[in-house]
N, C-alpha and C. Protein backbone atom coordinates (compact mmCIF):
# COMPACT_ATOMS: atom_id res chain seq x y z
N MET A 1 0.83 -1.19 0.00
CA MET A 1 0.00 0.00 0.00
C MET A 1 0.88 1.25 0.00
N THR A 2 1.95 1.21 0.77
CA THR A 2 2.87 2.35 0.83
C THR A 2 3.46 2.62 -0.54
N LEU A 3 3.88 1.57 -1.23
CA LEU A 3 4.46 1.73 -2.56
C LEU A 3 3.43 2.33 -3.52
N SER A 4 2.21 1.87 -3.43
CA SER A 4 1.15 2.41 -4.29
C SER A 4 0.94 3.90 -4.02
N LEU A 5 0.92 4.29 -2.75
CA LEU A 5 0.73 5.70 -2.42
C LEU A 5 1.92 6.55 -2.85
N ARG A 6 3.13 5.99 -2.75
CA ARG A 6 4.32 6.74 -3.18
C ARG A 6 4.28 7.00 -4.68
N ARG A 7 3.67 6.11 -5.44
CA ARG A 7 3.59 6.27 -6.90
C ARG A 7 2.43 7.16 -7.33
N ASP A 8 1.52 7.43 -6.41
CA ASP A 8 0.33 8.23 -6.73
C ASP A 8 0.66 9.71 -6.63
N PRO A 9 0.64 10.44 -7.75
CA PRO A 9 1.00 11.87 -7.71
C PRO A 9 0.02 12.69 -6.87
N TYR A 10 -1.26 12.33 -6.86
CA TYR A 10 -2.24 13.07 -6.07
C TYR A 10 -1.92 12.94 -4.58
N ALA A 11 -1.58 11.74 -4.16
CA ALA A 11 -1.26 11.52 -2.74
C ALA A 11 -0.01 12.30 -2.34
N ARG A 12 0.95 12.38 -3.23
CA ARG A 12 2.18 13.13 -2.91
C ARG A 12 1.90 14.62 -2.81
N ARG A 13 0.98 15.13 -3.62
CA ARG A 13 0.66 16.57 -3.59
C ARG A 13 -0.24 16.95 -2.43
N HIS A 14 -0.98 16.00 -1.87
CA HIS A 14 -1.95 16.29 -0.80
C HIS A 14 -1.77 15.35 0.39
N PRO A 15 -0.62 15.41 1.03
CA PRO A 15 -0.37 14.46 2.13
C PRO A 15 -1.29 14.67 3.34
N LEU A 16 -1.68 15.91 3.64
CA LEU A 16 -2.57 16.13 4.78
C LEU A 16 -3.96 15.57 4.52
N ARG A 17 -4.44 15.76 3.31
CA ARG A 17 -5.75 15.20 2.97
C ARG A 17 -5.71 13.68 3.02
N LEU A 18 -4.64 13.09 2.53
CA LEU A 18 -4.48 11.65 2.57
C LEU A 18 -4.47 11.15 4.02
N ALA A 19 -3.74 11.84 4.88
CA ALA A 19 -3.69 11.45 6.29
C ALA A 19 -5.07 11.57 6.94
N ARG A 20 -5.80 12.64 6.63
CA ARG A 20 -7.14 12.84 7.18
C ARG A 20 -8.09 11.73 6.72
N GLU A 21 -8.02 11.38 5.44
CA GLU A 21 -8.89 10.32 4.91
C GLU A 21 -8.53 8.96 5.51
N ALA A 22 -7.23 8.70 5.70
CA ALA A 22 -6.81 7.45 6.31
C ALA A 22 -7.31 7.38 7.76
N TYR A 23 -7.20 8.48 8.48
CA TYR A 23 -7.68 8.53 9.85
C TYR A 23 -9.19 8.25 9.89
N THR A 24 -9.95 8.89 8.99
CA THR A 24 -11.39 8.69 8.93
C THR A 24 -11.72 7.23 8.61
N LEU A 25 -10.98 6.63 7.70
CA LEU A 25 -11.20 5.23 7.33
C LEU A 25 -11.00 4.31 8.52
N PHE A 26 -9.90 4.48 9.23
CA PHE A 26 -9.61 3.59 10.35
C PHE A 26 -10.46 3.85 11.58
N ARG A 27 -11.08 5.02 11.69
CA ARG A 27 -11.98 5.30 12.80
C ARG A 27 -13.43 4.99 12.44
N GLY A 28 -13.69 4.65 11.19
CA GLY A 28 -15.04 4.40 10.72
C GLY A 28 -15.56 3.01 11.07
N PRO A 29 -16.75 2.69 10.60
CA PRO A 29 -17.40 1.44 10.97
C PRO A 29 -16.70 0.19 10.44
N LEU A 30 -15.93 0.32 9.37
CA LEU A 30 -15.25 -0.84 8.81
C LEU A 30 -14.22 -1.42 9.78
N PHE A 31 -13.47 -0.56 10.44
CA PHE A 31 -12.40 -1.01 11.32
C PHE A 31 -12.72 -0.89 12.81
N LYS A 32 -13.85 -0.28 13.14
CA LYS A 32 -14.18 -0.07 14.54
C LYS A 32 -14.37 -1.42 15.24
N GLY A 33 -13.63 -1.64 16.28
CA GLY A 33 -13.71 -2.88 17.02
C GLY A 33 -12.95 -4.04 16.40
N LEU A 34 -12.38 -3.83 15.22
CA LEU A 34 -11.66 -4.90 14.54
C LEU A 34 -10.44 -5.35 15.31
N GLY A 35 -9.78 -4.43 16.00
CA GLY A 35 -8.57 -4.75 16.75
C GLY A 35 -8.82 -5.80 17.82
N ARG A 36 -9.90 -5.63 18.59
CA ARG A 36 -10.23 -6.61 19.65
C ARG A 36 -10.54 -7.98 19.05
N GLU A 37 -11.34 -7.98 17.98
CA GLU A 37 -11.72 -9.25 17.36
C GLU A 37 -10.51 -9.92 16.70
N LEU A 38 -9.67 -9.13 16.07
CA LEU A 38 -8.48 -9.67 15.42
C LEU A 38 -7.52 -10.24 16.46
N ALA A 39 -7.39 -9.58 17.59
CA ALA A 39 -6.51 -10.07 18.66
C ALA A 39 -6.98 -11.43 19.14
N GLN A 40 -8.27 -11.65 19.18
CA GLN A 40 -8.81 -12.94 19.59
C GLN A 40 -8.38 -14.04 18.62
N TYR A 41 -8.45 -13.75 17.32
CA TYR A 41 -8.07 -14.74 16.31
C TYR A 41 -6.56 -14.98 16.27
N LEU A 42 -5.78 -13.99 16.64
CA LEU A 42 -4.33 -14.13 16.60
C LEU A 42 -3.74 -14.71 17.88
N ARG A 43 -4.59 -14.95 18.86
CA ARG A 43 -4.15 -15.51 20.13
C ARG A 43 -3.56 -16.91 19.90
N PRO A 44 -2.42 -17.22 20.49
CA PRO A 44 -1.84 -18.56 20.35
C PRO A 44 -2.82 -19.64 20.81
N GLY A 45 -2.97 -20.67 20.02
CA GLY A 45 -3.86 -21.76 20.37
C GLY A 45 -5.31 -21.52 20.03
N PHE A 46 -5.62 -20.40 19.37
CA PHE A 46 -7.01 -20.09 19.05
C PHE A 46 -7.57 -21.12 18.07
N HIS A 47 -8.83 -21.48 18.27
CA HIS A 47 -9.58 -22.30 17.33
C HIS A 47 -10.95 -21.66 17.15
N PRO A 48 -11.49 -21.63 15.94
CA PRO A 48 -12.81 -21.00 15.73
C PRO A 48 -13.91 -21.57 16.61
N ASP A 49 -13.79 -22.82 17.04
CA ASP A 49 -14.79 -23.39 17.93
C ASP A 49 -14.77 -22.74 19.32
N ASP A 50 -13.77 -21.93 19.61
CA ASP A 50 -13.71 -21.22 20.89
C ASP A 50 -14.79 -20.15 21.00
N ILE A 51 -15.36 -19.75 19.87
CA ILE A 51 -16.39 -18.71 19.84
C ILE A 51 -17.76 -19.37 19.83
N ASP A 52 -18.62 -18.98 20.75
CA ASP A 52 -19.97 -19.53 20.82
C ASP A 52 -20.84 -18.87 19.75
N THR A 53 -21.25 -19.64 18.76
CA THR A 53 -22.05 -19.11 17.66
C THR A 53 -23.46 -19.69 17.65
N ALA A 54 -23.90 -20.29 18.74
CA ALA A 54 -25.21 -20.94 18.80
C ALA A 54 -26.34 -19.95 18.48
N ALA A 55 -26.30 -18.77 19.07
CA ALA A 55 -27.37 -17.79 18.82
C ALA A 55 -27.39 -17.35 17.36
N LEU A 56 -26.21 -17.16 16.78
CA LEU A 56 -26.13 -16.76 15.38
C LEU A 56 -26.67 -17.86 14.47
N LEU A 57 -26.34 -19.12 14.77
CA LEU A 57 -26.84 -20.24 13.98
C LEU A 57 -28.36 -20.34 14.07
N ASP A 58 -28.90 -20.15 15.27
CA ASP A 58 -30.36 -20.19 15.44
C ASP A 58 -31.05 -19.09 14.64
N GLN A 59 -30.48 -17.90 14.68
CA GLN A 59 -31.04 -16.76 13.94
C GLN A 59 -31.11 -17.06 12.46
N TRP A 60 -30.01 -17.55 11.88
CA TRP A 60 -29.97 -17.82 10.43
C TRP A 60 -30.80 -19.04 10.06
N ARG A 61 -30.86 -20.02 10.94
CA ARG A 61 -31.69 -21.20 10.67
C ARG A 61 -33.14 -20.77 10.50
N VAL A 62 -33.62 -19.91 11.38
CA VAL A 62 -35.00 -19.41 11.28
C VAL A 62 -35.17 -18.56 10.03
N GLU A 63 -34.23 -17.65 9.79
CA GLU A 63 -34.35 -16.74 8.65
C GLU A 63 -34.31 -17.49 7.31
N LEU A 64 -33.49 -18.52 7.23
CA LEU A 64 -33.35 -19.23 5.96
C LEU A 64 -34.30 -20.41 5.81
N PHE A 65 -34.52 -21.15 6.89
CA PHE A 65 -35.29 -22.39 6.78
C PHE A 65 -36.52 -22.44 7.67
N GLY A 66 -36.85 -21.35 8.33
CA GLY A 66 -38.03 -21.32 9.19
C GLY A 66 -39.30 -21.39 8.36
N GLU A 67 -40.43 -21.23 9.02
CA GLU A 67 -41.72 -21.34 8.34
C GLU A 67 -41.83 -20.39 7.15
N ASP A 68 -41.35 -19.16 7.29
CA ASP A 68 -41.35 -18.19 6.19
C ASP A 68 -39.92 -17.93 5.69
N GLY A 69 -39.06 -18.93 5.83
CA GLY A 69 -37.65 -18.77 5.48
C GLY A 69 -37.43 -18.57 3.99
N VAL A 70 -36.33 -17.90 3.68
CA VAL A 70 -35.98 -17.57 2.30
C VAL A 70 -35.73 -18.83 1.47
N LEU A 71 -35.18 -19.87 2.09
CA LEU A 71 -34.81 -21.08 1.34
C LEU A 71 -35.75 -22.26 1.58
N THR A 72 -36.87 -22.02 2.24
CA THR A 72 -37.78 -23.11 2.56
C THR A 72 -38.26 -23.84 1.32
N ASP A 73 -38.51 -23.12 0.25
CA ASP A 73 -39.02 -23.74 -0.98
C ASP A 73 -37.94 -24.57 -1.69
N HIS A 74 -36.69 -24.46 -1.28
CA HIS A 74 -35.61 -25.24 -1.89
C HIS A 74 -35.38 -26.58 -1.19
N LEU A 75 -36.04 -26.79 -0.05
CA LEU A 75 -35.87 -28.04 0.68
C LEU A 75 -36.67 -29.14 0.00
N GLN A 76 -36.16 -30.36 0.05
CA GLN A 76 -36.87 -31.50 -0.57
C GLN A 76 -37.64 -32.26 0.46
């Protein structure tokens, strides 16, 4: 990314604007809270089964395959 920005003439001419936009990007909803979640995944010995996803599975099971589920008509 650094190499790409160094080659970009607009970024070289407007470094303050670039810094402001980068700050806004990293403080925005895309990255907000990502550090805590990423730290969990990078923890030594981590396995995805360490995260309880039962509630999430129940929610999607109902939404996709419940009585009015999106995929109900695809079941045999």
